[in-house]
Protein backbone atom coordinates (compact mmCIF):
# COMPACT_ATOMS: atom_id res chain seq x y z
CA UNK A 1 145.82 -33.65 27.85
CA UNK A 2 143.79 -36.53 26.60
CA UNK A 3 144.99 -38.58 24.04
CA UNK A 4 143.59 -38.56 20.40
CA UNK A 5 141.84 -42.04 19.70
CA UNK A 6 143.12 -44.59 17.67
CA UNK A 7 141.76 -46.21 14.55
CA UNK A 8 138.31 -47.41 15.36
CA UNK A 9 137.99 -51.62 14.26
CA UNK A 10 135.91 -52.27 11.40
CA UNK A 11 132.17 -52.60 12.59
CA UNK A 12 130.50 -56.03 11.32
CA UNK A 13 127.18 -55.33 10.08
CA UNK A 14 124.53 -57.11 12.07
CA UNK A 15 123.61 -60.88 10.13
CA UNK A 16 120.55 -62.80 10.62
CA UNK A 17 121.25 -65.75 12.75
CA UNK A 18 118.80 -68.79 13.10
CA UNK A 19 119.71 -70.88 16.29
CA UNK A 20 118.63 -74.20 17.62
CA UNK A 21 118.82 -74.82 21.46
CA UNK A 22 117.58 -77.20 23.84
CA UNK A 23 115.89 -78.49 21.41
CA UNK A 24 114.14 -76.05 19.69
CA UNK A 25 114.35 -73.92 16.50
CA UNK A 26 114.83 -70.01 16.95
CA UNK A 27 114.44 -68.64 13.51
CA UNK A 28 115.27 -64.94 14.64
CA UNK A 29 118.08 -66.22 16.83
CA UNK A 30 117.46 -64.90 20.26
CA UNK A 31 117.30 -68.40 21.78
CA UNK A 32 117.32 -68.36 25.91
CA UNK A 33 120.95 -69.36 27.96
CA UNK A 34 120.92 -69.76 31.18
CA UNK A 35 122.77 -66.98 33.40
CA UNK A 36 124.84 -69.18 35.24
CA UNK A 37 125.79 -71.51 32.37
CA UNK A 38 129.43 -72.56 32.55
CA UNK A 39 129.99 -71.25 29.03
CA UNK A 40 129.03 -67.67 29.82
CA UNK A 41 130.60 -67.06 32.98
CA UNK A 42 133.77 -68.99 32.98
CA UNK A 43 134.27 -70.09 29.25
CA UNK A 44 133.66 -73.62 29.97
CA UNK A 45 133.10 -74.99 26.56
CA UNK A 46 134.15 -75.51 23.19
CA UNK A 47 132.82 -74.96 19.88
CA UNK A 48 133.14 -75.41 15.94
CA UNK A 49 132.87 -73.42 13.08
CA UNK A 50 131.98 -74.88 9.35
CA UNK A 51 132.16 -73.02 6.06
CA UNK A 52 128.37 -73.57 4.38
CA UNK A 53 128.22 -73.66 0.59
CA UNK A 54 124.98 -74.05 -0.93
CA UNK A 55 123.00 -75.36 2.22
CA UNK A 56 125.26 -78.01 2.78
CA UNK A 57 128.33 -77.64 5.76
CA UNK A 58 131.61 -78.41 4.46
CA UNK A 59 133.71 -81.16 6.17
CA UNK A 60 131.23 -81.85 9.14
CA UNK A 61 132.35 -85.06 9.98
CA UNK A 62 135.81 -83.49 10.51
CA UNK A 63 134.66 -80.69 12.69
CA UNK A 64 132.70 -83.37 14.53
CA UNK A 65 135.59 -85.28 15.48
CA UNK A 66 137.68 -82.35 16.59
CA UNK A 67 135.05 -81.41 18.87
CA UNK A 68 135.11 -84.59 20.38
CA UNK A 69 138.44 -84.64 20.76
CA UNK A 70 137.95 -80.66 22.49
CA UNK A 71 135.66 -82.42 24.56
CA UNK A 72 137.96 -85.12 25.71
CA UNK A 73 140.49 -82.22 26.65
CA UNK A 74 138.30 -80.49 29.01
CA UNK A 75 136.96 -83.53 30.63
CA UNK A 76 133.98 -83.16 28.98
CA UNK A 77 131.42 -85.60 27.68
CA UNK A 78 131.31 -85.58 23.97
CA UNK A 79 128.25 -84.27 22.34
CA UNK A 80 125.91 -87.10 20.57
CA UNK A 81 126.93 -86.50 17.04
CA UNK A 82 123.60 -87.85 15.79
CA UNK A 83 121.73 -84.94 18.08
CA UNK A 84 124.16 -82.81 16.26
CA UNK A 85 123.56 -83.62 13.07
CA UNK A 86 119.63 -83.32 13.63
CA UNK A 87 119.89 -79.60 15.23
CA UNK A 88 122.45 -78.79 11.94
CA UNK A 89 119.74 -80.41 9.56
CA UNK A 90 117.19 -77.99 11.40
CA UNK A 91 119.41 -74.57 11.10
CA UNK A 92 120.41 -74.78 7.90
CA UNK A 93 116.70 -76.07 6.57
CA UNK A 94 115.35 -73.07 8.20
CA UNK A 95 117.50 -70.50 6.50
CA UNK A 96 119.36 -71.98 3.30
CA UNK A 97 122.64 -70.20 2.87
CA UNK A 98 124.69 -69.79 -0.22
CA UNK A 99 127.10 -68.97 1.18
CA UNK A 100 127.32 -69.34 5.34
CA UNK A 101 128.80 -69.86 8.62
CA UNK A 102 128.01 -72.54 10.91
CA UNK A 103 128.74 -72.74 14.77
CA UNK A 104 128.46 -75.49 17.26
CA UNK A 105 128.64 -74.92 20.16
CA UNK A 106 129.05 -77.13 23.89
CA UNK A 107 129.46 -76.16 26.92
CA UNK A 108 129.51 -77.89 30.87
CA UNK A 109 126.24 -76.78 31.49
CA UNK A 110 124.97 -74.29 34.62
CA UNK A 111 127.63 -74.08 37.01
CA UNK A 112 128.72 -71.96 40.26
CA UNK A 113 130.02 -68.47 40.08
CA UNK A 114 133.25 -69.85 40.02
CA UNK A 115 135.70 -72.34 38.62
CA UNK A 116 134.28 -75.44 39.85
CA UNK A 117 132.22 -77.49 37.79
CA UNK A 118 129.27 -79.53 38.62
CA UNK A 119 127.41 -82.71 37.36
CA UNK A 120 124.92 -80.65 34.90
CA UNK A 121 122.99 -80.99 31.54
CA UNK A 122 125.47 -79.88 29.43
CA UNK A 123 124.53 -77.41 26.62
CA UNK A 124 124.23 -77.47 22.85
CA UNK A 125 123.81 -74.70 20.90
CA UNK A 126 123.94 -74.82 17.06
CA UNK A 127 123.56 -71.39 14.79
CA UNK A 128 124.06 -70.03 11.05
CA UNK A 129 124.20 -66.75 9.24
CA UNK A 130 125.54 -65.25 6.14
CA UNK A 131 129.34 -65.21 5.97
CA UNK A 132 130.84 -61.96 5.66
CA UNK A 133 132.43 -61.14 2.49
CA UNK A 134 136.22 -61.67 2.59
CA UNK A 135 138.92 -58.81 1.70
CA UNK A 136 139.86 -58.48 -1.58
CA UNK A 137 143.16 -57.80 -0.50
CA UNK A 138 143.60 -59.52 2.57
CA UNK A 139 146.35 -58.07 4.88
CA UNK A 140 147.77 -59.58 8.16
CA UNK A 141 150.02 -57.99 11.24
CA UNK A 142 152.17 -59.44 14.07
CA UNK A 143 151.23 -58.39 17.59
CA UNK A 144 153.24 -58.69 20.89
CA UNK A 145 151.06 -61.21 22.72
CA UNK A 146 151.57 -65.11 22.71
CA UNK A 147 149.89 -68.48 23.14
CA UNK A 148 151.01 -70.71 25.74
CA UNK A 149 151.92 -73.88 24.09
CA UNK A 150 152.27 -75.26 27.59
CA UNK A 151 148.64 -74.39 28.33
CA UNK A 152 145.94 -77.27 29.82
CA UNK A 153 143.96 -75.85 26.50
CA UNK A 154 146.51 -75.51 24.11
CA UNK A 155 145.26 -77.12 20.55
CA UNK A 156 141.49 -76.97 22.25
CA UNK A 157 139.11 -75.17 20.21
CA UNK A 158 137.65 -73.58 23.66
CA UNK A 159 135.38 -70.39 23.75
CA UNK A 160 137.57 -68.71 26.20
CA UNK A 161 138.31 -66.44 23.10
CA UNK A 162 139.03 -63.13 25.14
CA UNK A 163 142.74 -63.10 24.36
CA UNK A 164 141.72 -63.74 20.39
CA UNK A 165 139.36 -60.68 20.66
CA UNK A 166 141.75 -58.44 21.82
CA UNK A 167 144.46 -59.68 19.38
CA UNK A 168 141.96 -59.29 16.25
CA UNK A 169 140.53 -56.09 17.36
CA UNK A 170 144.49 -54.88 17.09
CA UNK A 171 144.80 -56.23 13.67
CA UNK A 172 141.76 -54.24 12.95
CA UNK A 173 142.99 -51.25 14.16
CA UNK A 174 146.19 -51.43 11.83
CA UNK A 175 143.86 -51.89 8.89
CA UNK A 176 144.41 -55.80 8.92
CA UNK A 177 141.74 -58.47 9.16
CA UNK A 178 144.11 -61.12 11.21
CA UNK A 179 146.88 -61.07 13.47
CA UNK A 180 149.52 -63.57 13.67
CA UNK A 181 150.99 -64.70 17.69
CA UNK A 182 154.12 -66.64 18.66
CA UNK A 183 154.44 -68.98 21.34
CA UNK A 184 156.07 -68.50 24.52
CA UNK A 185 159.36 -70.15 22.83
CA UNK A 186 159.50 -67.23 20.45
CA UNK A 187 158.30 -69.39 17.58
CA UNK A 188 155.41 -68.73 14.74
CA UNK A 189 152.39 -70.22 16.24
CA UNK A 190 148.99 -69.40 14.60
CA UNK A 191 146.66 -66.58 14.08
CA UNK A 192 143.84 -65.60 16.20
CA UNK A 193 141.54 -68.08 14.23
CA UNK A 194 143.24 -69.41 11.50
CA UNK A 195 146.73 -71.74 11.33
CA UNK A 196 149.29 -70.00 9.11
CA UNK A 197 151.41 -71.02 6.41
CA UNK A 198 155.00 -69.21 4.87
CA UNK A 199 157.04 -69.15 1.73
CA UNK A 200 160.67 -68.12 3.03
CA UNK A 201 163.30 -66.62 1.23
CA UNK A 202 165.78 -69.11 0.67
CA UNK A 203 169.78 -68.95 1.04
CA UNK A 204 170.03 -67.40 -2.72
CA UNK A 205 167.74 -64.69 -1.94
CA UNK A 206 164.82 -66.17 -4.04
CA UNK A 207 161.50 -67.80 -2.70
CA UNK A 208 162.02 -71.29 -1.26
CA UNK A 209 160.58 -74.29 -2.93
CA UNK A 210 158.68 -75.24 -0.48
CA UNK A 211 155.55 -73.88 1.88
CA UNK A 212 156.09 -74.33 5.91
CA UNK A 213 153.30 -74.35 8.40
CA UNK A 214 154.14 -74.59 12.47
CA UNK A 215 153.64 -78.00 13.70
CA UNK A 216 150.81 -78.62 16.50
CA UNK A 217 153.72 -79.06 19.33
CA UNK A 218 154.25 -74.79 18.67
CA UNK A 219 150.60 -74.92 20.63
CA UNK A 220 148.60 -74.14 17.40
CA UNK A 221 145.02 -75.53 16.77
CA UNK A 222 144.84 -78.87 14.84
CA UNK A 223 143.37 -76.96 12.15
CA UNK A 224 140.56 -78.88 10.03
CA UNK A 225 141.45 -76.53 6.73
CA UNK A 226 145.19 -77.28 7.53
CA UNK A 227 144.99 -80.68 7.88
CA UNK A 228 143.51 -81.06 4.46
CA UNK A 229 145.87 -79.02 2.97
CA UNK A 230 148.62 -81.04 4.32
CA UNK A 231 147.21 -84.19 3.12
CA UNK A 232 145.85 -83.10 -0.36
CA UNK A 233 149.18 -81.07 -0.91
CA UNK A 234 151.12 -84.63 -0.27
CA UNK A 235 148.99 -86.39 -2.49
CA UNK A 236 149.56 -83.89 -5.13
CA UNK A 237 153.25 -83.36 -5.16
CA UNK A 238 152.85 -79.85 -3.37
CA UNK A 239 155.82 -79.22 -1.05
CA UNK A 240 153.98 -78.20 2.27
CA UNK A 241 155.77 -79.26 5.31
CA UNK A 242 155.20 -78.95 9.04
CA UNK A 243 158.39 -77.41 10.86
CA UNK A 244 159.27 -75.24 13.91
CA UNK A 245 160.55 -71.23 13.17
CA UNK A 246 161.20 -68.65 14.80
CA UNK A 247 158.88 -65.98 14.92
CA UNK A 248 161.71 -63.59 13.47
CA UNK A 249 161.14 -65.36 10.39
CA UNK A 250 158.19 -63.51 8.86
CA UNK A 251 161.09 -61.29 8.40
CA UNK A 252 162.25 -63.04 5.43
CA UNK A 253 158.48 -64.35 4.46
CA UNK A 254 157.89 -63.57 0.72
CA UNK A 255 154.44 -65.01 1.45
CA UNK A 256 151.79 -65.99 4.10
CA UNK A 257 148.58 -67.82 3.59
CA UNK A 258 145.76 -68.48 6.42
CA UNK A 259 143.85 -71.74 6.44
CA UNK A 260 140.82 -71.46 8.25
CA UNK A 261 137.30 -72.84 7.68
CA UNK A 262 136.14 -69.59 6.11
CA UNK A 263 138.86 -68.38 4.48
CA UNK A 264 139.96 -71.73 3.09
CA UNK A 265 143.38 -71.33 1.88
CA UNK A 266 143.49 -67.51 1.64
CA UNK A 267 147.04 -65.87 0.29
CA UNK A 268 147.77 -62.68 2.14
CA UNK A 269 148.60 -59.40 0.22
CA UNK A 270 150.31 -57.48 2.89
CA UNK A 271 152.30 -58.57 6.02
CA UNK A 272 152.59 -55.65 8.86
CA UNK A 273 152.11 -53.37 5.48
CA UNK A 274 154.72 -55.06 3.52
CA UNK A 275 153.67 -56.19 0.17
CA UNK A 276 153.66 -60.40 -0.30
CA UNK A 277 153.76 -62.62 -3.68
CA UNK A 278 150.61 -64.29 -4.42
CA UNK A 279 151.83 -66.31 -7.41
CA UNK A 280 153.60 -69.47 -7.86
CA UNK A 281 153.48 -71.71 -4.63
CA UNK A 282 150.96 -69.80 -2.40
CA UNK A 283 148.29 -69.43 -5.64
CA UNK A 284 148.91 -73.30 -6.56
CA UNK A 285 148.08 -74.17 -2.52
CA UNK A 286 144.93 -71.84 -2.80
CA UNK A 287 143.68 -73.44 -6.49
CA UNK A 288 144.39 -77.22 -4.90
CA UNK A 289 142.47 -76.39 -1.87
CA UNK A 290 139.28 -74.95 -3.59
CA UNK A 291 139.54 -77.81 -6.24
CA UNK A 292 139.69 -80.65 -3.97
CA UNK A 293 137.26 -79.26 -1.67
CA UNK A 294 134.71 -78.29 -4.27
CA UNK A 295 135.07 -82.22 -5.38
CA UNK A 296 134.07 -83.67 -1.85
CA UNK A 297 132.24 -81.93 0.78
CA UNK A 298 132.78 -84.16 3.47
CA UNK A 299 136.31 -85.38 3.38
CA UNK A 300 138.09 -87.39 5.51
């Protein structure tokens, strides 16, 4: 007997994309890519995603700095920041976006059909499209797979994203927008494309008076939005701290927040179908981030 298919993941609508590649602008996408580019054949590349608001990328300096750190982690020469900015200006000038997604991709360039890397002209692609709307009642689920905090690419934003695709597809099949993963030590790590912040239940059974996010030693990505939240919270006296947490601590989570370039700080409505608190500290964190981001589109 053939098993009945499970619920299908939601299909993202086609979004027009403008692309810059090889020094040329492709207003309708469809830029050519070398069939032997190692970013395609082995995932040997890095990328950054920025939010675009009213045609302006948010926190571009911080994203370019992280791009350079990821390049160093892969043993790649960092892209020329001036060239990247020129490409960004060309892309956003070709398609003004009220709310968009900007992606900067940098690969090791064409290579052999294997893991060996040869000296080659590295590949820069910059693309932008409208951002899909965020869920009105965002939901997150846990999944059984783990991050390897001792991986050679731990903490790097690489184009090797297949495990994230699988985990996110499982989240969509469960009716959620994001999946949370543990690391190999069974500690809370991150989402497929986000950092996680939680409010736990205190010893008295009431919500604790702090928000907690896993440290970078957990293997999570050093998210730009995560770093901004930590810095702004410290300046304004909002208790957001870094601390290792067992993955099972999610059972005692009264609130879960996700931080990412497109989410900013997004308070989740449910965890594994269980309702979560959305007011109090979580709401204050989201408000703080929105306010400070509006005050400075390229913060340090």
